Amino acid sequence: EKLLMLGPVLERLQDELLDPLIKRTFAVMNRAGLLPPPPPEAAQGVLEISYVSMLAQAQKAVATTGIERLMAFVGSLAGAHPDVLDTIDFDEVVNEYADLLGVAPKLLASPAAVAAARTARARAVVQQQMMKNGLALAQGAQVLSKIDVGGGQNALEKALGGDQ
């Protein structure tokens, strides 16, 4: 409750005092040559300030409640209408949730690693299905080979055109 009451005060303090102060200090230091050159990835980016105090982390953690409620709601709807799951980007939900909890990004797999794992899993499913289909065909051929259709032929030979 106290956090919810302090939230607007802290947000205003951050937006109107701390953010401009940090940006101004950064700009002055940059113009004075006190900062090393930015890495290529950040050279064109906009400075985004993120607070890491215990109170700031607690404020961010409060936002996880909304995500949890949304996921519970979607989960309950999915029983009756599975198509509703298509509206959720589950990868982004996990990334956002981890960010709000302050989880180190290195604990989450990179998008390339996730794509590779999904591709490997899809290939395994296809192989398993192909093996299942092959086993069914082999069993069918075995059954046909045991059926005598007369003339010294079994049903498999006849199906394969052995009567020509």
N, C-alpha and C. Protein backbone atom coordinates (compact mmCIF):
# COMPACT_ATOMS: atom_id res chain seq x y z
N GLU A 1 0.82 -1.20 0.00
CA GLU A 1 0.00 0.00 0.00
C GLU A 1 0.86 1.26 0.00
N LYS A 2 1.91 1.22 0.82
CA LYS A 2 2.79 2.40 0.90
C LYS A 2 3.47 2.64 -0.45
N LEU A 3 3.85 1.54 -1.09
CA LEU A 3 4.50 1.66 -2.40
C LEU A 3 3.55 2.30 -3.41
N LEU A 4 2.28 1.89 -3.38
CA LEU A 4 1.30 2.46 -4.30
C LEU A 4 1.06 3.94 -4.01
N MET A 5 1.13 4.31 -2.76
CA MET A 5 0.94 5.72 -2.41
C MET A 5 2.16 6.55 -2.79
N LEU A 6 3.36 5.97 -2.66
CA LEU A 6 4.59 6.69 -3.00
C LEU A 6 4.84 6.73 -4.50
N GLY A 7 4.25 5.80 -5.23
CA GLY A 7 4.50 5.67 -6.66
C GLY A 7 4.40 6.97 -7.45
N PRO A 8 3.27 7.67 -7.37
CA PRO A 8 3.14 8.92 -8.14
C PRO A 8 4.17 9.98 -7.75
N VAL A 9 4.51 10.06 -6.48
CA VAL A 9 5.49 11.04 -6.02
C VAL A 9 6.86 10.70 -6.60
N LEU A 10 7.23 9.43 -6.50
CA LEU A 10 8.53 9.02 -7.01
C LEU A 10 8.61 9.15 -8.53
N GLU A 11 7.52 8.81 -9.20
CA GLU A 11 7.51 8.92 -10.66
C GLU A 11 7.69 10.37 -11.09
N ARG A 12 7.03 11.27 -10.42
CA ARG A 12 7.16 12.69 -10.76
C ARG A 12 8.58 13.17 -10.46
N LEU A 13 9.15 12.72 -9.33
CA LEU A 13 10.51 13.09 -8.98
C LEU A 13 11.49 12.59 -10.04
N GLN A 14 11.29 11.38 -10.49
CA GLN A 14 12.18 10.83 -11.51
C GLN A 14 12.01 11.57 -12.84
N ASP A 15 10.76 11.77 -13.26
CA ASP A 15 10.49 12.39 -14.56
C ASP A 15 10.90 13.86 -14.62
N GLU A 16 10.67 14.59 -13.54
CA GLU A 16 10.87 16.04 -13.58
C GLU A 16 12.19 16.51 -13.00
N LEU A 17 12.84 15.67 -12.18
CA LEU A 17 14.10 16.11 -11.58
C LEU A 17 15.27 15.21 -11.99
N LEU A 18 15.16 13.94 -11.66
CA LEU A 18 16.31 13.05 -11.84
C LEU A 18 16.64 12.78 -13.31
N ASP A 19 15.64 12.47 -14.13
CA ASP A 19 15.91 12.19 -15.55
C ASP A 19 16.59 13.37 -16.24
N PRO A 20 16.02 14.59 -16.14
CA PRO A 20 16.69 15.73 -16.78
C PRO A 20 18.10 15.99 -16.21
N LEU A 21 18.27 15.80 -14.91
CA LEU A 21 19.57 16.02 -14.28
C LEU A 21 20.60 15.01 -14.81
N ILE A 22 20.22 13.76 -14.91
CA ILE A 22 21.13 12.73 -15.40
C ILE A 22 21.45 12.98 -16.87
N LYS A 23 20.46 13.32 -17.67
CA LYS A 23 20.71 13.58 -19.10
C LYS A 23 21.63 14.78 -19.29
N ARG A 24 21.41 15.81 -18.50
CA ARG A 24 22.24 17.03 -18.60
C ARG A 24 23.68 16.72 -18.19
N THR A 25 23.85 16.00 -17.10
CA THR A 25 25.19 15.64 -16.64
C THR A 25 25.90 14.78 -17.68
N PHE A 26 25.20 13.85 -18.25
CA PHE A 26 25.77 12.98 -19.29
C PHE A 26 26.19 13.82 -20.49
N ALA A 27 25.35 14.75 -20.93
CA ALA A 27 25.67 15.59 -22.09
C ALA A 27 26.90 16.46 -21.82
N VAL A 28 26.98 17.04 -20.62
CA VAL A 28 28.13 17.89 -20.28
C VAL A 28 29.41 17.06 -20.26
N MET A 29 29.36 15.89 -19.64
CA MET A 29 30.54 15.02 -19.59
C MET A 29 30.95 14.56 -20.99
N ASN A 30 29.97 14.29 -21.84
CA ASN A 30 30.26 13.85 -23.20
C ASN A 30 30.93 14.96 -24.00
N ARG A 31 30.40 16.19 -23.87
CA ARG A 31 31.01 17.33 -24.59
C ARG A 31 32.42 17.62 -24.09
N ALA A 32 32.68 17.37 -22.80
CA ALA A 32 33.99 17.65 -22.22
C ALA A 32 34.98 16.52 -22.51
N GLY A 33 34.52 15.46 -23.16
CA GLY A 33 35.40 14.36 -23.51
C GLY A 33 35.73 13.45 -22.33
N LEU A 34 34.91 13.46 -21.32
CA LEU A 34 35.15 12.64 -20.13
C LEU A 34 34.61 11.22 -20.27
N LEU A 35 33.86 10.96 -21.33
CA LEU A 35 33.29 9.63 -21.54
C LEU A 35 33.96 8.95 -22.72
N PRO A 36 34.16 7.64 -22.63
CA PRO A 36 34.73 6.94 -23.79
C PRO A 36 33.70 6.91 -24.92
N PRO A 37 34.16 6.68 -26.15
CA PRO A 37 33.19 6.62 -27.26
C PRO A 37 32.22 5.46 -27.04
N PRO A 38 30.97 5.66 -27.42
CA PRO A 38 29.98 4.60 -27.22
C PRO A 38 30.24 3.44 -28.18
N PRO A 39 29.82 2.24 -27.79
CA PRO A 39 29.96 1.11 -28.72
C PRO A 39 29.08 1.35 -29.95
N PRO A 40 29.39 0.71 -31.07
CA PRO A 40 28.64 0.94 -32.32
C PRO A 40 27.13 0.71 -32.16
N GLU A 41 26.75 -0.26 -31.32
CA GLU A 41 25.33 -0.57 -31.14
C GLU A 41 24.58 0.59 -30.48
N ALA A 42 25.28 1.37 -29.66
CA ALA A 42 24.62 2.44 -28.92
C ALA A 42 24.90 3.82 -29.48
N ALA A 43 25.68 3.90 -30.54
CA ALA A 43 26.09 5.20 -31.07
C ALA A 43 24.90 6.06 -31.50
N GLN A 44 23.89 5.46 -32.09
CA GLN A 44 22.74 6.23 -32.58
C GLN A 44 21.54 6.15 -31.63
N GLY A 45 21.68 5.42 -30.55
CA GLY A 45 20.55 5.20 -29.65
C GLY A 45 20.25 6.41 -28.78
N VAL A 46 19.09 6.38 -28.18
CA VAL A 46 18.66 7.42 -27.26
C VAL A 46 18.97 6.94 -25.85
N LEU A 47 19.45 7.85 -25.03
CA LEU A 47 19.78 7.51 -23.65
C LEU A 47 18.49 7.20 -22.88
N GLU A 48 18.45 5.98 -22.35
CA GLU A 48 17.29 5.58 -21.55
C GLU A 48 17.76 5.33 -20.13
N ILE A 49 17.13 5.99 -19.19
CA ILE A 49 17.54 5.90 -17.80
C ILE A 49 16.70 4.84 -17.11
N SER A 50 17.40 3.96 -16.40
CA SER A 50 16.72 2.89 -15.67
C SER A 50 17.22 2.91 -14.24
N TYR A 51 16.30 2.98 -13.30
CA TYR A 51 16.66 3.04 -11.89
C TYR A 51 16.71 1.63 -11.32
N VAL A 52 17.73 1.39 -10.48
CA VAL A 52 17.94 0.04 -9.98
C VAL A 52 17.87 -0.06 -8.46
N SER A 53 17.36 0.95 -7.80
CA SER A 53 17.25 0.88 -6.35
C SER A 53 16.21 -0.17 -5.96
N MET A 54 16.22 -0.55 -4.70
CA MET A 54 15.25 -1.54 -4.21
C MET A 54 13.82 -1.03 -4.42
N LEU A 55 13.61 0.24 -4.21
CA LEU A 55 12.27 0.81 -4.38
C LEU A 55 11.86 0.80 -5.85
N ALA A 56 12.79 1.13 -6.74
CA ALA A 56 12.48 1.12 -8.18
C ALA A 56 12.17 -0.31 -8.63
N GLN A 57 12.93 -1.28 -8.13
CA GLN A 57 12.67 -2.67 -8.49
C GLN A 57 11.32 -3.13 -7.96
N ALA A 58 10.97 -2.70 -6.76
CA ALA A 58 9.66 -3.07 -6.20
C ALA A 58 8.54 -2.48 -7.03
N GLN A 59 8.72 -1.24 -7.51
CA GLN A 59 7.71 -0.62 -8.36
C GLN A 59 7.54 -1.40 -9.66
N LYS A 60 8.65 -1.81 -10.25
CA LYS A 60 8.57 -2.58 -11.48
C LYS A 60 7.91 -3.93 -11.24
N ALA A 61 8.21 -4.54 -10.10
CA ALA A 61 7.65 -5.86 -9.79
C ALA A 61 6.13 -5.81 -9.65
N VAL A 62 5.60 -4.66 -9.25
CA VAL A 62 4.15 -4.51 -9.12
C VAL A 62 3.48 -4.69 -10.48
N ALA A 63 4.17 -4.31 -11.56
CA ALA A 63 3.60 -4.42 -12.90
C ALA A 63 3.43 -5.88 -13.33
N THR A 64 4.12 -6.80 -12.66
CA THR A 64 3.97 -8.21 -13.03
C THR A 64 2.57 -8.72 -12.74
N THR A 65 1.88 -8.08 -11.83
CA THR A 65 0.52 -8.49 -11.49
C THR A 65 -0.39 -8.40 -12.72
N GLY A 66 -0.24 -7.34 -13.48
CA GLY A 66 -1.04 -7.18 -14.70
C GLY A 66 -0.78 -8.29 -15.70
N ILE A 67 0.48 -8.65 -15.86
CA ILE A 67 0.83 -9.73 -16.79
C ILE A 67 0.23 -11.04 -16.31
N GLU A 68 0.36 -11.30 -15.01
CA GLU A 68 -0.19 -12.54 -14.46
C GLU A 68 -1.70 -12.61 -14.65
N ARG A 69 -2.37 -11.50 -14.42
CA ARG A 69 -3.83 -11.48 -14.59
C ARG A 69 -4.21 -11.71 -16.05
N LEU A 70 -3.48 -11.08 -16.96
CA LEU A 70 -3.76 -11.26 -18.39
C LEU A 70 -3.57 -12.72 -18.78
N MET A 71 -2.46 -13.32 -18.35
CA MET A 71 -2.19 -14.70 -18.72
C MET A 71 -3.22 -15.65 -18.12
N ALA A 72 -3.67 -15.39 -16.90
CA ALA A 72 -4.71 -16.22 -16.29
C ALA A 72 -6.02 -16.09 -17.06
N PHE A 73 -6.35 -14.88 -17.47
CA PHE A 73 -7.58 -14.64 -18.22
C PHE A 73 -7.53 -15.34 -19.57
N VAL A 74 -6.40 -15.19 -20.28
CA VAL A 74 -6.25 -15.83 -21.58
C VAL A 74 -6.27 -17.35 -21.42
N GLY A 75 -5.64 -17.85 -20.37
CA GLY A 75 -5.64 -19.28 -20.12
C GLY A 75 -7.04 -19.82 -19.90
N SER A 76 -7.86 -19.06 -19.18
CA SER A 76 -9.24 -19.52 -18.95
C SER A 76 -10.07 -19.46 -20.23
N LEU A 77 -9.82 -18.48 -21.08
CA LEU A 77 -10.53 -18.39 -22.35
C LEU A 77 -10.08 -19.48 -23.33
N ALA A 78 -8.81 -19.87 -23.23
CA ALA A 78 -8.25 -20.82 -24.19
C ALA A 78 -8.94 -22.18 -24.13
N GLY A 79 -9.52 -22.52 -22.98
CA GLY A 79 -10.24 -23.78 -22.89
C GLY A 79 -11.43 -23.82 -23.84
N ALA A 80 -12.12 -22.71 -23.97
CA ALA A 80 -13.30 -22.65 -24.84
C ALA A 80 -12.95 -22.20 -26.26
N HIS A 81 -11.96 -21.31 -26.37
CA HIS A 81 -11.57 -20.76 -27.67
C HIS A 81 -10.05 -20.77 -27.78
N PRO A 82 -9.45 -21.87 -28.22
CA PRO A 82 -7.98 -21.97 -28.30
C PRO A 82 -7.34 -20.91 -29.21
N ASP A 83 -8.11 -20.36 -30.14
CA ASP A 83 -7.55 -19.35 -31.05
C ASP A 83 -7.09 -18.10 -30.32
N VAL A 84 -7.59 -17.87 -29.12
CA VAL A 84 -7.21 -16.67 -28.38
C VAL A 84 -5.72 -16.69 -28.03
N LEU A 85 -5.10 -17.86 -28.00
CA LEU A 85 -3.67 -17.95 -27.71
C LEU A 85 -2.83 -17.29 -28.80
N ASP A 86 -3.39 -17.17 -30.00
CA ASP A 86 -2.67 -16.54 -31.10
C ASP A 86 -2.45 -15.05 -30.85
N THR A 87 -3.20 -14.45 -29.95
CA THR A 87 -3.07 -13.01 -29.71
C THR A 87 -1.90 -12.68 -28.77
N ILE A 88 -1.33 -13.68 -28.14
CA ILE A 88 -0.26 -13.45 -27.17
C ILE A 88 1.10 -13.80 -27.77
N ASP A 89 2.04 -12.90 -27.64
CA ASP A 89 3.43 -13.17 -28.04
C ASP A 89 4.14 -13.67 -26.78
N PHE A 90 4.15 -14.98 -26.60
CA PHE A 90 4.64 -15.58 -25.36
C PHE A 90 6.12 -15.28 -25.12
N ASP A 91 6.93 -15.19 -26.17
CA ASP A 91 8.33 -14.85 -26.00
C ASP A 91 8.47 -13.45 -25.39
N GLU A 92 7.68 -12.53 -25.91
CA GLU A 92 7.74 -11.15 -25.40
C GLU A 92 7.21 -11.07 -23.97
N VAL A 93 6.20 -11.88 -23.65
CA VAL A 93 5.68 -11.92 -22.28
C VAL A 93 6.79 -12.34 -21.32
N VAL A 94 7.52 -13.39 -21.67
CA VAL A 94 8.60 -13.88 -20.81
C VAL A 94 9.69 -12.82 -20.67
N ASN A 95 10.07 -12.18 -21.78
CA ASN A 95 11.11 -11.15 -21.73
C ASN A 95 10.69 -9.97 -20.86
N GLU A 96 9.46 -9.50 -21.04
CA GLU A 96 8.97 -8.37 -20.26
C GLU A 96 8.86 -8.72 -18.79
N TYR A 97 8.36 -9.90 -18.50
CA TYR A 97 8.20 -10.35 -17.11
C TYR A 97 9.57 -10.43 -16.43
N ALA A 98 10.55 -11.00 -17.14
CA ALA A 98 11.90 -11.09 -16.59
C ALA A 98 12.47 -9.70 -16.33
N ASP A 99 12.25 -8.77 -17.25
CA ASP A 99 12.74 -7.40 -17.07
C ASP A 99 12.10 -6.75 -15.85
N LEU A 100 10.80 -6.92 -15.70
CA LEU A 100 10.11 -6.31 -14.56
C LEU A 100 10.57 -6.89 -13.23
N LEU A 101 10.98 -8.14 -13.24
CA LEU A 101 11.48 -8.75 -12.00
C LEU A 101 12.96 -8.47 -11.77
N GLY A 102 13.61 -7.87 -12.76
CA GLY A 102 15.02 -7.54 -12.61
C GLY A 102 15.93 -8.73 -12.86
N VAL A 103 15.46 -9.69 -13.64
CA VAL A 103 16.27 -10.88 -13.95
C VAL A 103 17.35 -10.48 -14.96
N ALA A 104 18.56 -10.98 -14.74
CA ALA A 104 19.67 -10.66 -15.64
C ALA A 104 19.36 -11.20 -17.04
N PRO A 105 19.51 -10.37 -18.07
CA PRO A 105 19.21 -10.82 -19.44
C PRO A 105 20.00 -12.05 -19.87
N LYS A 106 21.19 -12.23 -19.32
CA LYS A 106 22.00 -13.38 -19.73
C LYS A 106 21.37 -14.71 -19.30
N LEU A 107 20.38 -14.67 -18.42
CA LEU A 107 19.71 -15.90 -18.00
C LEU A 107 18.69 -16.38 -19.02
N LEU A 108 18.30 -15.51 -19.94
CA LEU A 108 17.35 -15.88 -20.99
C LEU A 108 18.10 -16.22 -22.26
N ALA A 109 17.61 -17.21 -22.96
CA ALA A 109 18.25 -17.62 -24.22
C ALA A 109 18.10 -16.51 -25.26
N SER A 110 19.10 -16.39 -26.11
CA SER A 110 19.06 -15.40 -27.18
C SER A 110 18.00 -15.81 -28.21
N PRO A 111 17.48 -14.86 -28.98
CA PRO A 111 16.50 -15.21 -30.02
C PRO A 111 17.04 -16.26 -30.99
N ALA A 112 18.33 -16.21 -31.31
CA ALA A 112 18.92 -17.20 -32.22
C ALA A 112 18.91 -18.59 -31.59
N ALA A 113 19.22 -18.66 -30.29
CA ALA A 113 19.22 -19.96 -29.60
C ALA A 113 17.81 -20.52 -29.49
N VAL A 114 16.84 -19.63 -29.25
CA VAL A 114 15.44 -20.06 -29.18
C VAL A 114 14.99 -20.61 -30.54
N ALA A 115 15.34 -19.89 -31.61
CA ALA A 115 14.96 -20.34 -32.95
C ALA A 115 15.61 -21.68 -33.28
N ALA A 116 16.87 -21.85 -32.90
CA ALA A 116 17.56 -23.12 -33.17
C ALA A 116 16.91 -24.27 -32.41
N ALA A 117 16.56 -24.04 -31.15
CA ALA A 117 15.91 -25.08 -30.35
C ALA A 117 14.56 -25.46 -30.93
N ARG A 118 13.81 -24.46 -31.38
CA ARG A 118 12.49 -24.74 -31.96
C ARG A 118 12.61 -25.49 -33.28
N THR A 119 13.61 -25.13 -34.08
CA THR A 119 13.83 -25.83 -35.34
C THR A 119 14.20 -27.28 -35.09
N ALA A 120 15.08 -27.50 -34.13
CA ALA A 120 15.48 -28.87 -33.80
C ALA A 120 14.28 -29.68 -33.29
N ARG A 121 13.46 -29.06 -32.47
CA ARG A 121 12.28 -29.75 -31.94
C ARG A 121 11.30 -30.08 -33.06
N ALA A 122 11.11 -29.15 -34.00
CA ALA A 122 10.21 -29.39 -35.13
C ALA A 122 10.73 -30.53 -36.01
N ARG A 123 12.05 -30.56 -36.23
CA ARG A 123 12.63 -31.65 -37.02
C ARG A 123 12.44 -32.99 -36.33
N ALA A 124 12.61 -33.00 -35.02
CA ALA A 124 12.44 -34.25 -34.26
C ALA A 124 11.00 -34.74 -34.36
N VAL A 125 10.05 -33.82 -34.30
CA VAL A 125 8.63 -34.20 -34.42
C VAL A 125 8.36 -34.77 -35.81
N VAL A 126 8.91 -34.14 -36.85
CA VAL A 126 8.72 -34.63 -38.22
C VAL A 126 9.33 -36.02 -38.37
N GLN A 127 10.55 -36.21 -37.85
CA GLN A 127 11.19 -37.52 -37.93
C GLN A 127 10.38 -38.58 -37.20
N GLN A 128 9.88 -38.22 -36.03
CA GLN A 128 9.08 -39.17 -35.26
C GLN A 128 7.81 -39.55 -36.02
N GLN A 129 7.18 -38.58 -36.66
CA GLN A 129 5.97 -38.85 -37.44
C GLN A 129 6.30 -39.73 -38.64
N MET A 130 7.44 -39.46 -39.29
CA MET A 130 7.84 -40.27 -40.44
C MET A 130 8.11 -41.71 -40.01
N MET A 131 8.76 -41.87 -38.85
CA MET A 131 9.02 -43.23 -38.35
C MET A 131 7.71 -43.94 -38.03
N LYS A 132 6.78 -43.21 -37.47
CA LYS A 132 5.48 -43.78 -37.14
C LYS A 132 4.75 -44.22 -38.41
N ASN A 133 4.80 -43.36 -39.43
CA ASN A 133 4.16 -43.70 -40.71
C ASN A 133 4.86 -44.89 -41.37
N GLY A 134 6.18 -44.92 -41.31
CA GLY A 134 6.93 -46.04 -41.88
C GLY A 134 6.62 -47.35 -41.19
N LEU A 135 6.48 -47.29 -39.85
CA LEU A 135 6.13 -48.49 -39.09
C LEU A 135 4.75 -48.97 -39.48
N ALA A 136 3.82 -48.03 -39.65
CA ALA A 136 2.46 -48.41 -40.04
C ALA A 136 2.47 -49.05 -41.44
N LEU A 137 3.26 -48.50 -42.36
CA LEU A 137 3.36 -49.08 -43.70
C LEU A 137 3.98 -50.48 -43.65
N ALA A 138 5.00 -50.64 -42.83
CA ALA A 138 5.65 -51.95 -42.72
C ALA A 138 4.68 -52.98 -42.15
N GLN A 139 3.91 -52.57 -41.15
CA GLN A 139 2.94 -53.49 -40.56
C GLN A 139 1.86 -53.85 -41.59
N GLY A 140 1.43 -52.86 -42.36
CA GLY A 140 0.43 -53.12 -43.40
C GLY A 140 0.96 -54.06 -44.46
N ALA A 141 2.23 -53.87 -44.86
CA ALA A 141 2.84 -54.75 -45.84
C ALA A 141 2.96 -56.17 -45.30
N GLN A 142 3.28 -56.28 -44.02
CA GLN A 142 3.40 -57.61 -43.41
C GLN A 142 2.05 -58.32 -43.42
N VAL A 143 0.99 -57.59 -43.09
CA VAL A 143 -0.34 -58.19 -43.09
C VAL A 143 -0.72 -58.61 -44.51
N LEU A 144 -0.45 -57.74 -45.50
CA LEU A 144 -0.78 -58.08 -46.90
C LEU A 144 0.02 -59.28 -47.39
N SER A 145 1.26 -59.41 -46.91
CA SER A 145 2.08 -60.52 -47.38
C SER A 145 1.59 -61.87 -46.85
N LYS A 146 0.77 -61.86 -45.84
CA LYS A 146 0.25 -63.10 -45.26
C LYS A 146 -1.10 -63.50 -45.84
N ILE A 147 -1.67 -62.64 -46.65
CA ILE A 147 -2.99 -62.94 -47.23
C ILE A 147 -2.79 -63.61 -48.59
N ASP A 148 -3.23 -64.85 -48.70
CA ASP A 148 -3.11 -65.60 -49.94
C ASP A 148 -4.29 -65.25 -50.84
N VAL A 149 -3.99 -64.77 -52.05
CA VAL A 149 -5.06 -64.42 -52.99
C VAL A 149 -5.17 -65.45 -54.11
N GLY A 150 -4.45 -66.49 -53.99
CA GLY A 150 -4.52 -67.57 -54.99
C GLY A 150 -3.48 -67.40 -56.07
N GLY A 151 -3.22 -68.48 -56.78
CA GLY A 151 -2.25 -68.45 -57.87
C GLY A 151 -0.83 -68.30 -57.36
N GLY A 152 -0.58 -68.68 -56.13
CA GLY A 152 0.77 -68.60 -55.56
C GLY A 152 1.18 -67.18 -55.21
N GLN A 153 0.24 -66.28 -55.14
CA GLN A 153 0.54 -64.88 -54.81
C GLN A 153 -0.11 -64.49 -53.49
N ASN A 154 0.55 -63.54 -52.83
CA ASN A 154 -0.10 -62.95 -51.66
C ASN A 154 -0.63 -61.56 -52.06
N ALA A 155 -1.37 -60.94 -51.17
CA ALA A 155 -2.01 -59.65 -51.48
C ALA A 155 -0.98 -58.56 -51.75
N LEU A 156 0.15 -58.62 -51.09
CA LEU A 156 1.18 -57.61 -51.30
C LEU A 156 1.75 -57.71 -52.72
N GLU A 157 2.06 -58.92 -53.15
CA GLU A 157 2.58 -59.10 -54.50
C GLU A 157 1.57 -58.65 -55.54
N LYS A 158 0.31 -58.95 -55.29
CA LYS A 158 -0.73 -58.56 -56.23
C LYS A 158 -0.86 -57.04 -56.29
N ALA A 159 -0.80 -56.38 -55.10
CA ALA A 159 -0.91 -54.91 -55.04
C ALA A 159 0.27 -54.24 -55.73
N LEU A 160 1.42 -54.87 -55.68
CA LEU A 160 2.61 -54.30 -56.31
C LEU A 160 2.71 -54.65 -57.79
N GLY A 161 1.74 -55.37 -58.29
CA GLY A 161 1.71 -55.69 -59.72
C GLY A 161 2.48 -56.94 -60.07
N GLY A 162 2.57 -57.85 -59.14
CA GLY A 162 3.29 -59.11 -59.37
C GLY A 162 2.56 -60.06 -60.26
N ASP A 163 1.33 -59.76 -60.68
CA ASP A 163 0.56 -60.68 -61.52
C ASP A 163 0.73 -60.39 -63.01
N GLN A 164 1.66 -59.58 -63.37
CA GLN A 164 1.82 -59.20 -64.77
C GLN A 164 2.66 -60.18 -65.50
